[in-house]
């Protein structure tokens, strides 16, 4: 998507960047955001998320990522497609050891509204926090 400059109306948000705070590598430590499934569901609505593309089981040993998976597998979303990931994924890439690696695509079952407010993303490795806006208002 980065190469499609003509699509300034599309914003990609990584759930791990929104729900976790880590300095480059997971092995260096991870802090999880406060909140529960309801807070994550509210964040997705507030941010105007119109589609979720998620790797099944991605870091779901972490509470926040498990709750994220539970939200997208709730009645608030419906799966519209899935496909296997081939190749060699390390567990650092979210690969499931001796398991089936799958990407799932979900759409909200509720009407998506434009994003409300901005998004803050921590970048602990460089010691800063970025604030931005999403969607067509970002242009």
Protein backbone atom coordinates (compact mmCIF):
# COMPACT_ATOMS: atom_id res chain seq x y z
CA UNK A 1 0.00 0.00 0.00
CA UNK A 2 2.92 2.36 0.56
CA UNK A 3 3.52 2.47 -3.18
CA UNK A 4 -0.02 3.65 -3.94
CA UNK A 5 0.33 7.37 -3.29
CA UNK A 6 -2.89 7.93 -5.25
CA UNK A 7 -4.80 6.26 -2.37
CA UNK A 8 -4.37 8.89 0.32
CA UNK A 9 -7.83 7.94 1.55
CA UNK A 10 -6.53 4.57 2.78
CA UNK A 11 -4.79 4.34 6.13
CA UNK A 12 -3.23 1.15 7.45
CA UNK A 13 -3.05 0.71 11.21
CA UNK A 14 -1.12 -2.16 12.73
CA UNK A 15 -2.88 -3.63 15.75
CA UNK A 16 0.44 -4.47 17.40
CA UNK A 17 1.49 -0.80 17.15
CA UNK A 18 -1.80 0.33 18.73
CA UNK A 19 -2.06 -2.32 21.44
CA UNK A 20 1.57 -2.95 22.36
CA UNK A 21 4.55 -0.78 23.23
CA UNK A 22 7.89 -2.34 22.44
CA UNK A 23 11.33 -1.26 21.40
CA UNK A 24 11.96 -2.98 18.05
CA UNK A 25 12.09 -6.61 19.21
CA UNK A 26 9.59 -8.43 21.36
CA UNK A 27 12.48 -10.03 23.24
CA UNK A 28 13.43 -6.58 24.55
CA UNK A 29 10.16 -6.34 26.45
CA UNK A 30 6.54 -5.57 25.70
CA UNK A 31 4.04 -3.35 27.47
CA UNK A 32 0.36 -3.87 26.69
CA UNK A 33 -2.25 -1.14 26.58
CA UNK A 34 -4.82 -0.94 29.34
CA UNK A 35 -8.35 -1.89 28.47
CA UNK A 36 -10.34 -4.93 27.54
CA UNK A 37 -12.28 -6.26 24.56
CA UNK A 38 -14.86 -3.48 24.88
CA UNK A 39 -12.14 -0.82 24.82
CA UNK A 40 -10.51 -2.41 21.76
CA UNK A 41 -13.88 -2.64 19.97
CA UNK A 42 -14.54 1.03 20.78
CA UNK A 43 -11.09 2.01 19.47
CA UNK A 44 -11.72 0.21 16.16
CA UNK A 45 -15.04 2.03 15.77
CA UNK A 46 -13.54 5.39 16.76
CA UNK A 47 -10.66 4.96 14.31
CA UNK A 48 -13.11 4.22 11.48
CA UNK A 49 -11.67 0.76 10.80
CA UNK A 50 -13.39 -0.55 7.65
CA UNK A 51 -11.43 -3.80 7.23
CA UNK A 52 -9.23 -6.02 9.37
CA UNK A 53 -6.55 -8.24 7.87
CA UNK A 54 -5.17 -10.41 10.63
CA UNK A 55 -2.82 -13.35 10.93
CA UNK A 56 -4.58 -16.04 12.95
CA UNK A 57 -2.88 -16.54 16.30
CA UNK A 58 -0.48 -13.60 15.88
CA UNK A 59 1.11 -13.17 19.31
CA UNK A 60 -2.11 -14.25 20.99
CA UNK A 61 -0.13 -15.29 24.04
CA UNK A 62 -0.25 -11.56 24.84
CA UNK A 63 -3.47 -10.43 26.52
CA UNK A 64 -4.07 -7.40 24.27
CA UNK A 65 -3.55 -9.37 21.05
CA UNK A 66 -5.80 -12.19 22.29
CA UNK A 67 -8.52 -9.64 23.08
CA UNK A 68 -8.08 -8.07 19.63
CA UNK A 69 -8.62 -11.50 18.05
CA UNK A 70 -11.71 -12.02 20.19
CA UNK A 71 -13.11 -8.68 19.00
CA UNK A 72 -12.68 -9.48 15.30
CA UNK A 73 -14.18 -12.93 15.86
CA UNK A 74 -17.21 -11.35 17.59
CA UNK A 75 -20.58 -10.48 16.01
CA UNK A 76 -19.14 -6.98 15.30
CA UNK A 77 -17.19 -8.48 12.35
CA UNK A 78 -17.69 -11.11 9.69
CA UNK A 79 -14.96 -13.04 7.94
CA UNK A 80 -15.02 -12.46 4.18
CA UNK A 81 -11.89 -14.37 3.15
CA UNK A 82 -8.90 -16.28 4.43
CA UNK A 83 -5.78 -17.79 2.91
CA UNK A 84 -2.82 -19.85 4.02
CA UNK A 85 0.59 -18.27 4.48
CA UNK A 86 3.34 -20.33 2.95
CA UNK A 87 7.01 -20.15 3.71
CA UNK A 88 9.01 -20.21 6.89
CA UNK A 89 7.66 -17.93 9.61
CA UNK A 90 9.50 -17.64 12.87
CA UNK A 91 7.46 -17.29 16.04
CA UNK A 92 8.73 -13.68 16.12
CA UNK A 93 6.78 -13.16 12.88
CA UNK A 94 3.72 -14.58 14.59
CA UNK A 95 4.13 -18.00 13.06
CA UNK A 96 2.35 -20.87 14.76
CA UNK A 97 4.88 -23.58 15.62
CA UNK A 98 3.95 -26.79 13.79
CA UNK A 99 0.63 -25.22 12.89
CA UNK A 100 -1.31 -23.73 10.01
CA UNK A 101 -0.51 -20.08 9.37
CA UNK A 102 -3.57 -18.27 8.03
CA UNK A 103 -4.49 -14.68 7.21
CA UNK A 104 -8.13 -13.77 7.77
CA UNK A 105 -9.98 -10.76 6.36
CA UNK A 106 -12.91 -9.27 8.27
CA UNK A 107 -15.42 -6.50 7.63
CA UNK A 108 -17.42 -4.76 10.35
CA UNK A 109 -21.08 -5.70 10.60
CA UNK A 110 -21.88 -2.16 11.80
CA UNK A 111 -21.88 1.04 9.74
CA UNK A 112 -18.35 2.47 9.62
CA UNK A 113 -18.12 6.16 10.45
CA UNK A 114 -15.23 8.50 9.68
CA UNK A 115 -12.43 8.49 12.24
CA UNK A 116 -12.94 10.65 15.32
CA UNK A 117 -9.82 12.47 16.44
CA UNK A 118 -6.29 11.30 15.81
CA UNK A 119 -4.08 8.34 16.51
CA UNK A 120 -1.07 8.24 18.81
CA UNK A 121 1.67 5.68 18.28
CA UNK A 122 4.61 5.26 20.65
CA UNK A 123 8.06 4.70 19.19
CA UNK A 124 10.07 3.80 22.31
CA UNK A 125 13.21 2.88 20.40
CA UNK A 126 13.64 6.50 19.30
CA UNK A 127 12.00 7.90 22.43
CA UNK A 128 9.07 9.68 20.82
CA UNK A 129 5.34 9.50 20.19
CA UNK A 130 3.67 10.32 16.88
CA UNK A 131 0.22 11.82 16.45
CA UNK A 132 -1.63 11.68 13.16
CA UNK A 133 -5.01 11.63 11.53
CA UNK A 134 -6.49 8.86 9.41
CA UNK A 135 -8.54 8.60 6.25
CA UNK A 136 -9.34 11.32 3.75
CA UNK A 137 -9.01 14.02 6.42
CA UNK A 138 -5.27 13.21 6.49
CA UNK A 139 -4.68 14.83 3.10
